[in-house]
Amino acid sequence: MQYSEERRAEILEKVYQELIKPRTLLSISKDKGMPCQDTLYEWIRTNKAFAEKYMRARDIQAERFAENIVEIVSKPLPELHKDPAFAGVAMRAELEKRKQQADAMKWFASKTAPKKYGDKAGDDTPTEKPGFNVAKKEE
């Protein structure tokens, strides 16, 4: 499908706004009226201005995931059940769920902002962002 420059600019702005909520590019591409994920990656790869904005959105997204981790682990545990035997099982399940959520967010943040949240945070070794390369166009 062909998009006018105006429509493409609207879509790219919407993608940016949705990424910082944070949402994944895959979930955004499933929204009504949005191009498929492959098309969005192609636009990121070939549009330097949008690629830079995309990287800023990913950095903001990593910050939000880090903040969400703090919220998840700080949230008070609920009273789950009157029966102590069941309450213990339910509590372990709730703790495991929170751990998995936090681990997934930490992993994602480490991949989208490796200098800040990666295993070697603070290391000045150059790293590439996963998932795309910005094409350098010869003019």
Protein backbone atom coordinates (compact mmCIF):
# COMPACT_ATOMS: atom_id res chain seq x y z
CA MET A 1 0.00 0.00 0.00
CA GLN A 2 1.25 3.45 -0.89
CA TYR A 3 1.06 6.24 1.68
CA SER A 4 1.19 9.94 0.95
CA GLU A 5 4.01 11.83 2.65
CA GLU A 6 1.43 13.55 4.85
CA ARG A 7 -0.19 10.26 5.90
CA ARG A 8 3.21 8.66 6.46
CA ALA A 9 4.25 11.55 8.71
CA GLU A 10 1.01 11.15 10.70
CA ILE A 11 1.63 7.42 11.10
CA LEU A 12 5.24 7.94 12.19
CA GLU A 13 4.16 10.49 14.81
CA LYS A 14 1.49 8.08 16.08
CA VAL A 15 4.10 5.30 16.29
CA TYR A 16 6.37 7.57 18.33
CA GLN A 17 3.55 8.52 20.71
CA GLU A 18 2.54 4.88 21.17
CA LEU A 19 6.10 3.67 21.73
CA ILE A 20 6.60 6.04 24.65
CA LYS A 21 3.43 4.77 26.41
CA PRO A 22 5.19 2.09 26.24
CA ARG A 23 3.89 -0.28 23.59
CA THR A 24 5.68 -2.61 21.23
CA LEU A 25 6.02 -1.96 17.53
CA LEU A 26 4.24 -5.28 16.92
CA SER A 27 1.18 -4.25 18.94
CA ILE A 28 1.12 -0.82 17.27
CA SER A 29 1.22 -2.42 13.81
CA LYS A 30 -1.95 -4.36 14.69
CA ASP A 31 -3.94 -1.16 15.31
CA LYS A 32 -6.58 -0.25 12.74
CA GLY A 33 -5.13 1.85 9.92
CA MET A 34 -1.50 1.09 10.77
CA PRO A 35 0.91 -0.52 8.31
CA CYS A 36 2.39 -3.93 9.10
CA GLN A 37 5.45 -4.26 11.31
CA ASP A 38 7.75 -4.91 8.32
CA THR A 39 6.70 -1.64 6.71
CA LEU A 40 7.33 0.27 9.95
CA TYR A 41 10.82 -1.26 10.24
CA GLU A 42 11.50 -0.37 6.61
CA TRP A 43 10.51 3.24 7.29
CA ILE A 44 12.77 3.30 10.35
CA ARG A 45 15.62 1.85 8.32
CA THR A 46 15.28 4.31 5.45
CA ASN A 47 14.17 7.52 7.18
CA LYS A 48 17.05 8.94 9.20
CA ALA A 49 14.96 11.61 10.96
CA PHE A 50 12.39 9.06 12.05
CA ALA A 51 15.10 6.57 13.03
CA GLU A 52 16.53 9.16 15.42
CA LYS A 53 13.07 9.85 16.84
CA TYR A 54 12.47 6.09 17.11
CA MET A 55 15.68 5.74 19.14
CA ARG A 56 14.56 8.57 21.47
CA ALA A 57 11.23 6.79 21.91
CA ARG A 58 13.04 3.55 22.76
CA ASP A 59 15.17 5.38 25.34
CA ILE A 60 12.03 6.86 26.92
CA GLN A 61 10.45 3.42 26.80
CA ALA A 62 13.41 1.93 28.69
CA GLU A 63 13.06 4.66 31.34
CA ARG A 64 9.37 3.88 31.71
CA PHE A 65 10.06 0.17 32.04
CA ALA A 66 12.59 0.92 34.79
CA GLU A 67 9.98 3.02 36.59
CA ASN A 68 7.38 0.27 36.12
CA ILE A 69 9.73 -2.24 37.75
CA VAL A 70 9.91 -0.05 40.85
CA GLU A 71 6.10 0.13 40.90
CA ILE A 72 5.71 -3.64 40.51
CA VAL A 73 8.09 -4.56 43.30
CA SER A 74 6.87 -1.78 45.62
CA LYS A 75 3.18 -2.57 45.31
CA PRO A 76 1.74 -3.95 48.57
CA LEU A 77 0.88 -7.63 48.50
CA PRO A 78 -2.85 -8.31 48.64
CA GLU A 79 -4.66 -10.38 51.23
CA LEU A 80 -5.29 -13.36 49.06
CA HIS A 81 -7.32 -15.93 50.97
CA LYS A 82 -8.57 -16.82 54.44
CA ASP A 83 -7.28 -20.40 54.21
CA PRO A 84 -3.54 -20.23 55.15
CA ALA A 85 -2.63 -23.19 52.96
CA PHE A 86 -4.18 -21.61 49.88
CA ALA A 87 -2.93 -18.13 50.79
CA GLY A 88 0.68 -19.38 50.77
CA VAL A 89 0.29 -20.86 47.29
CA ALA A 90 -1.47 -17.74 46.01
CA MET A 91 1.20 -15.49 47.54
CA ARG A 92 4.01 -17.47 45.89
CA ALA A 93 2.16 -17.24 42.57
CA GLU A 94 1.74 -13.47 42.96
CA LEU A 95 5.42 -13.03 43.82
CA GLU A 96 6.49 -15.18 40.86
CA LYS A 97 4.25 -13.19 38.52
CA ARG A 98 5.78 -9.92 39.70
CA LYS A 99 9.30 -11.33 39.37
CA GLN A 100 8.60 -12.43 35.79
CA GLN A 101 7.13 -9.03 34.91
CA ALA A 102 10.13 -7.21 36.39
CA ASP A 103 12.61 -9.58 34.70
CA ALA A 104 10.93 -9.09 31.31
CA MET A 105 11.03 -5.31 31.70
CA LYS A 106 14.67 -5.39 32.82
CA TRP A 107 15.57 -7.53 29.80
CA PHE A 108 13.75 -5.20 27.41
CA ALA A 109 15.32 -2.10 28.96
CA SER A 110 18.77 -3.69 28.71
CA LYS A 111 18.25 -4.30 24.98
CA THR A 112 16.77 -0.89 24.13
CA ALA A 113 19.14 1.16 26.30
CA PRO A 114 22.19 -1.09 26.79
CA LYS A 115 24.54 1.71 27.87
CA LYS A 116 22.24 2.56 30.75
CA TYR A 117 20.53 -0.73 31.65
CA GLY A 118 22.68 -3.41 30.03
CA ASP A 119 24.88 -5.91 31.85
CA LYS A 120 27.83 -3.61 31.24
CA ALA A 121 26.06 -0.33 32.04
CA GLY A 122 28.51 2.53 32.04
CA ASP A 123 30.89 0.69 29.70
CA ASP A 124 31.84 2.99 26.83
CA THR A 125 32.05 0.15 24.33
CA PRO A 126 29.91 1.02 21.31
CA THR A 127 26.72 -1.01 21.07
CA GLU A 128 24.10 -1.22 18.38
CA LYS A 129 20.41 -1.11 19.09
CA PRO A 130 18.73 -4.42 18.29
CA GLY A 131 16.35 -4.82 15.42
CA PHE A 132 17.41 -2.28 12.84
CA ASN A 133 20.16 -0.51 11.00
CA VAL A 134 19.77 3.02 9.79
CA ALA A 135 20.65 3.03 6.13
CA LYS A 136 23.05 5.72 5.05
CA LYS A 137 21.83 7.05 1.75
CA GLU A 138 24.31 8.32 -0.76
CA GLU A 139 23.16 11.58 -2.26
